Amino acid sequence: MMLRIILIVMMVGGVLTAWFLLRGYSRKDDGEPGMVACPGGSRTVPAPGTAESA
């Protein structure tokens, strides 16, 4: 019985983790060069290594 609960919790956790990770990759990029989307997609910041990030 305990093993069944542990397996269910692990599966739900794996599905949620995959959903959160894939949700970030599915966000559309606005195409502005040298900018990267922040997690959540609410704003953009200069990409590391660009002149604006210094």
PDB file of N, CA and C in Angstrom:
ATOM      1  N   MET A   1       0.839  -1.204   0.000  1.00  0.00           N
ATOM      2  CA  MET A   1       0.000   0.000   0.000  1.00  0.00           C
ATOM      3  C   MET A   1       0.873   1.253   0.000  1.00  0.00           C
ATOM      4  N   MET A   2       1.897   1.256   0.860  1.00  0.00           N
ATOM      5  CA  MET A   2       2.773   2.425   0.940  1.00  0.00           C
ATOM      6  C   MET A   2       3.547   2.631  -0.357  1.00  0.00           C
ATOM      7  N   LEU A   3       3.963   1.532  -0.980  1.00  0.00           N
ATOM      8  CA  LEU A   3       4.696   1.608  -2.237  1.00  0.00           C
ATOM      9  C   LEU A   3       3.833   2.213  -3.338  1.00  0.00           C
ATOM     10  N   ARG A   4       2.559   1.874  -3.344  1.00  0.00           N
ATOM     11  CA  ARG A   4       1.635   2.417  -4.340  1.00  0.00           C
ATOM     12  C   ARG A   4       1.517   3.934  -4.188  1.00  0.00           C
ATOM     13  N   ILE A   5       1.422   4.411  -2.964  1.00  0.00           N
ATOM     14  CA  ILE A   5       1.325   5.861  -2.714  1.00  0.00           C
ATOM     15  C   ILE A   5       2.604   6.564  -3.172  1.00  0.00           C
ATOM     16  N   ILE A   6       3.748   5.985  -2.843  1.00  0.00           N
ATOM     17  CA  ILE A   6       5.029   6.583  -3.237  1.00  0.00           C
ATOM     18  C   ILE A   6       5.142   6.652  -4.757  1.00  0.00           C
ATOM     19  N   LEU A   7       4.758   5.583  -5.451  1.00  0.00           N
ATOM     20  CA  LEU A   7       4.826   5.575  -6.909  1.00  0.00           C
ATOM     21  C   LEU A   7       3.888   6.613  -7.525  1.00  0.00           C
ATOM     22  N   ILE A   8       2.697   6.753  -6.988  1.00  0.00           N
ATOM     23  CA  ILE A   8       1.747   7.743  -7.501  1.00  0.00           C
ATOM     24  C   ILE A   8       2.286   9.155  -7.298  1.00  0.00           C
ATOM     25  N   VAL A   9       2.833   9.430  -6.119  1.00  0.00           N
ATOM     26  CA  VAL A   9       3.388  10.759  -5.838  1.00  0.00           C
ATOM     27  C   VAL A   9       4.568  11.050  -6.765  1.00  0.00           C
ATOM     28  N   MET A  10       5.423  10.053  -7.002  1.00  0.00           N
ATOM     29  CA  MET A  10       6.563  10.240  -7.904  1.00  0.00           C
ATOM     30  C   MET A  10       6.092  10.520  -9.328  1.00  0.00           C
ATOM     31  N   MET A  11       5.079   9.821  -9.777  1.00  0.00           N
ATOM     32  CA  MET A  11       4.570  10.031 -11.139  1.00  0.00           C
ATOM     33  C   MET A  11       3.951  11.415 -11.282  1.00  0.00           C
ATOM     34  N   VAL A  12       3.180  11.827 -10.301  1.00  0.00           N
ATOM     35  CA  VAL A  12       2.573  13.161 -10.353  1.00  0.00           C
ATOM     36  C   VAL A  12       3.662  14.233 -10.331  1.00  0.00           C
ATOM     37  N   GLY A  13       4.675  14.048  -9.509  1.00  0.00           N
ATOM     38  CA  GLY A  13       5.787  15.003  -9.467  1.00  0.00           C
ATOM     39  C   GLY A  13       6.532  15.071 -10.782  1.00  0.00           C
ATOM     40  N   GLY A  14       6.750  13.940 -11.427  1.00  0.00           N
ATOM     41  CA  GLY A  14       7.416  13.924 -12.727  1.00  0.00           C
ATOM     42  C   GLY A  14       6.605  14.624 -13.803  1.00  0.00           C
ATOM     43  N   VAL A  15       5.309  14.398 -13.795  1.00  0.00           N
ATOM     44  CA  VAL A  15       4.434  15.058 -14.772  1.00  0.00           C
ATOM     45  C   VAL A  15       4.438  16.566 -14.548  1.00  0.00           C
ATOM     46  N   LEU A  16       4.341  17.002 -13.310  1.00  0.00           N
ATOM     47  CA  LEU A  16       4.353  18.436 -13.028  1.00  0.00           C
ATOM     48  C   LEU A  16       5.687  19.073 -13.415  1.00  0.00           C
ATOM     49  N   THR A  17       6.789  18.399 -13.116  1.00  0.00           N
ATOM     50  CA  THR A  17       8.102  18.922 -13.482  1.00  0.00           C
ATOM     51  C   THR A  17       8.218  19.051 -14.995  1.00  0.00           C
ATOM     52  N   ALA A  18       7.821  18.027 -15.731  1.00  0.00           N
ATOM     53  CA  ALA A  18       7.872  18.083 -17.194  1.00  0.00           C
ATOM     54  C   ALA A  18       6.985  19.200 -17.728  1.00  0.00           C
ATOM     55  N   TRP A  19       5.810  19.374 -17.147  1.00  0.00           N
ATOM     56  CA  TRP A  19       4.895  20.428 -17.604  1.00  0.00           C
ATOM     57  C   TRP A  19       5.505  21.806 -17.404  1.00  0.00           C
ATOM     58  N   PHE A  20       6.096  22.051 -16.226  1.00  0.00           N
ATOM     59  CA  PHE A  20       6.716  23.350 -15.973  1.00  0.00           C
ATOM     60  C   PHE A  20       7.882  23.604 -16.913  1.00  0.00           C
ATOM     61  N   LEU A  21       8.710  22.589 -17.154  1.00  0.00           N
ATOM     62  CA  LEU A  21       9.857  22.767 -18.049  1.00  0.00           C
ATOM     63  C   LEU A  21       9.406  22.990 -19.485  1.00  0.00           C
ATOM     64  N   LEU A  22       8.471  22.193 -19.959  1.00  0.00           N
ATOM     65  CA  LEU A  22       8.012  22.336 -21.341  1.00  0.00           C
ATOM     66  C   LEU A  22       7.223  23.613 -21.554  1.00  0.00           C
ATOM     67  N   ARG A  23       6.549  24.091 -20.518  1.00  0.00           N
ATOM     68  CA  ARG A  23       5.795  25.341 -20.634  1.00  0.00           C
ATOM     69  C   ARG A  23       6.738  26.496 -20.933  1.00  0.00           C
ATOM     70  N   GLY A  24       7.917  26.487 -20.320  1.00  0.00           N
ATOM     71  CA  GLY A  24       8.886  27.546 -20.576  1.00  0.00           C
ATOM     72  C   GLY A  24       9.417  27.511 -21.991  1.00  0.00           C
ATOM     73  N   TYR A  25       9.603  26.315 -22.556  1.00  0.00           N
ATOM     74  CA  TYR A  25      10.117  26.204 -23.917  1.00  0.00           C
ATOM     75  C   TYR A  25       9.066  26.553 -24.947  1.00  0.00           C
ATOM     76  N   SER A  26       7.802  26.457 -24.628  1.00  0.00           N
ATOM     77  CA  SER A  26       6.760  26.717 -25.614  1.00  0.00           C
ATOM     78  C   SER A  26       6.405  28.192 -25.730  1.00  0.00           C
ATOM     79  N   ARG A  27       6.948  29.038 -24.866  1.00  0.00           N
ATOM     80  CA  ARG A  27       6.669  30.472 -24.952  1.00  0.00           C
ATOM     81  C   ARG A  27       7.252  31.034 -26.234  1.00  0.00           C
ATOM     82  N   LYS A  28       6.493  31.908 -26.895  1.00  0.00           N
ATOM     83  CA  LYS A  28       6.976  32.495 -28.137  1.00  0.00           C
ATOM     84  C   LYS A  28       7.985  33.588 -27.835  1.00  0.00           C
ATOM     85  N   ASP A  29       9.024  33.640 -28.663  1.00  0.00           N
ATOM     86  CA  ASP A  29      10.035  34.677 -28.541  1.00  0.00           C
ATOM     87  C   ASP A  29       9.577  35.872 -29.373  1.00  0.00           C
ATOM     88  N   ASP A  30       9.773  37.089 -28.855  1.00  0.00           N
ATOM     89  CA  ASP A  30       9.341  38.270 -29.598  1.00  0.00           C
ATOM     90  C   ASP A  30      10.312  38.638 -30.708  1.00  0.00           C
ATOM     91  N   GLY A  31      11.416  37.917 -30.824  1.00  0.00           N
ATOM     92  CA  GLY A  31      12.336  38.118 -31.920  1.00  0.00           C
ATOM     93  C   GLY A  31      13.304  39.263 -31.748  1.00  0.00           C
ATOM     94  N   GLU A  32      13.334  39.909 -30.614  1.00  0.00           N
ATOM     95  CA  GLU A  32      14.257  41.022 -30.413  1.00  0.00           C
ATOM     96  C   GLU A  32      15.663  40.457 -30.223  1.00  0.00           C
ATOM     97  N   PRO A  33      16.623  40.841 -31.090  1.00  0.00           N
ATOM     98  CA  PRO A  33      17.962  40.251 -30.981  1.00  0.00           C
ATOM     99  C   PRO A  33      18.673  40.684 -29.710  1.00  0.00           C
ATOM    100  N   GLY A  34      19.437  39.771 -29.134  1.00  0.00           N
ATOM    101  CA  GLY A  34      20.213  40.088 -27.942  1.00  0.00           C
ATOM    102  C   GLY A  34      19.412  40.117 -26.659  1.00  0.00           C
ATOM    103  N   MET A  35      18.186  39.655 -26.697  1.00  0.00           N
ATOM    104  CA  MET A  35      17.348  39.652 -25.498  1.00  0.00           C
ATOM    105  C   MET A  35      16.887  38.226 -25.226  1.00  0.00           C
ATOM    106  N   VAL A  36      16.722  37.915 -23.952  1.00  0.00           N
ATOM    107  CA  VAL A  36      16.252  36.595 -23.546  1.00  0.00           C
ATOM    108  C   VAL A  36      15.014  36.769 -22.689  1.00  0.00           C
ATOM    109  N   ALA A  37      14.054  35.875 -22.856  1.00  0.00           N
ATOM    110  CA  ALA A  37      12.839  35.935 -22.047  1.00  0.00           C
ATOM    111  C   ALA A  37      13.125  35.443 -20.641  1.00  0.00           C
ATOM    112  N   CYS A  38      12.583  36.140 -19.652  1.00  0.00           N
ATOM    113  CA  CYS A  38      12.699  35.714 -18.255  1.00  0.00           C
ATOM    114  C   CYS A  38      11.698  34.594 -18.009  1.00  0.00           C
ATOM    115  N   PRO A  39      11.936  33.766 -16.991  1.00  0.00           N
ATOM    116  CA  PRO A  39      10.934  32.748 -16.660  1.00  0.00           C
ATOM    117  C   PRO A  39       9.594  33.413 -16.368  1.00  0.00           C
ATOM    118  N   GLY A  40       8.553  32.872 -16.901  1.00  0.00           N
ATOM    119  CA  GLY A  40       7.229  33.460 -16.741  1.00  0.00           C
ATOM    120  C   GLY A  40       6.853  34.317 -17.938  1.00  0.00           C
ATOM    121  N   GLY A  41       7.839  34.721 -18.742  1.00  0.00           N
ATOM    122  CA  GLY A  41       7.577  35.444 -19.970  1.00  0.00           C
ATOM    123  C   GLY A  41       7.076  36.854 -19.807  1.00  0.00           C
ATOM    124  N   SER A  42       7.224  37.453 -18.627  1.00  0.00           N
ATOM    125  CA  SER A  42       6.659  38.782 -18.417  1.00  0.00           C
ATOM    126  C   SER A  42       7.560  39.906 -18.911  1.00  0.00           C
ATOM    127  N   ARG A  43       8.872  39.636 -19.045  1.00  0.00           N
ATOM    128  CA  ARG A  43       9.782  40.689 -19.499  1.00  0.00           C
ATOM    129  C   ARG A  43      10.997  40.053 -20.135  1.00  0.00           C
ATOM    130  N   THR A  44      11.814  40.880 -20.780  1.00  0.00           N
ATOM    131  CA  THR A  44      13.048  40.383 -21.378  1.00  0.00           C
ATOM    132  C   THR A  44      14.230  41.118 -20.778  1.00  0.00           C
ATOM    133  N   VAL A  45      15.367  40.458 -20.756  1.00  0.00           N
ATOM    134  CA  VAL A  45      16.589  41.049 -20.235  1.00  0.00           C
ATOM    135  C   VAL A  45      17.702  40.820 -21.260  1.00  0.00           C
ATOM    136  N   PRO A  46      18.762  41.628 -21.223  1.00  0.00           N
ATOM    137  CA  PRO A  46      19.868  41.418 -22.157  1.00  0.00           C
ATOM    138  C   PRO A  46      20.484  40.034 -21.985  1.00  0.00           C
ATOM    139  N   ALA A  47      20.831  39.422 -23.100  1.00  0.00           N
ATOM    140  CA  ALA A  47      21.456  38.102 -23.061  1.00  0.00           C
ATOM    141  C   ALA A  47      22.855  38.211 -22.495  1.00  0.00           C
ATOM    142  N   PRO A  48      23.316  37.193 -21.759  1.00  0.00           N
ATOM    143  CA  PRO A  48      24.678  37.211 -21.242  1.00  0.00           C
ATOM    144  C   PRO A  48      25.683  37.313 -22.388  1.00  0.00           C
ATOM    145  N   GLY A  49      26.715  38.146 -22.206  1.00  0.00           N
ATOM    146  CA  GLY A  49      27.742  38.297 -23.206  1.00  0.00           C
ATOM    147  C   GLY A  49      27.463  39.367 -24.237  1.00  0.00           C
ATOM    148  N   THR A  50      26.319  40.060 -24.141  1.00  0.00           N
ATOM    149  CA  THR A  50      26.045  41.146 -25.074  1.00  0.00           C
ATOM    150  C   THR A  50      26.476  42.466 -24.456  1.00  0.00           C
ATOM    151  N   ALA A  51      26.552  43.486 -25.290  1.00  0.00           N
ATOM    152  CA  ALA A  51      27.004  44.800 -24.818  1.00  0.00           C
ATOM    153  C   ALA A  51      26.042  45.388 -23.784  1.00  0.00           C
ATOM    154  N   GLU A  52      24.748  45.073 -23.936  1.00  0.00           N
ATOM    155  CA  GLU A  52      23.761  45.642 -23.005  1.00  0.00           C
ATOM    156  C   GLU A  52      23.834  45.032 -21.616  1.00  0.00           C
ATOM    157  N   SER A  53      24.394  43.802 -21.503  1.00  0.00           N
ATOM    158  CA  SER A  53      24.421  43.135 -20.207  1.00  0.00           C
ATOM    159  C   SER A  53      25.568  43.614 -19.329  1.00  0.00           C
ATOM    160  N   ALA A  54      26.532  44.314 -19.891  1.00  0.00           N
ATOM    161  CA  ALA A  54      27.703  44.764 -19.127  1.00  0.00           C
ATOM    162  C   ALA A  54      27.374  45.933 -18.218  1.00  0.00           C
TER     163      ALA A  54
END
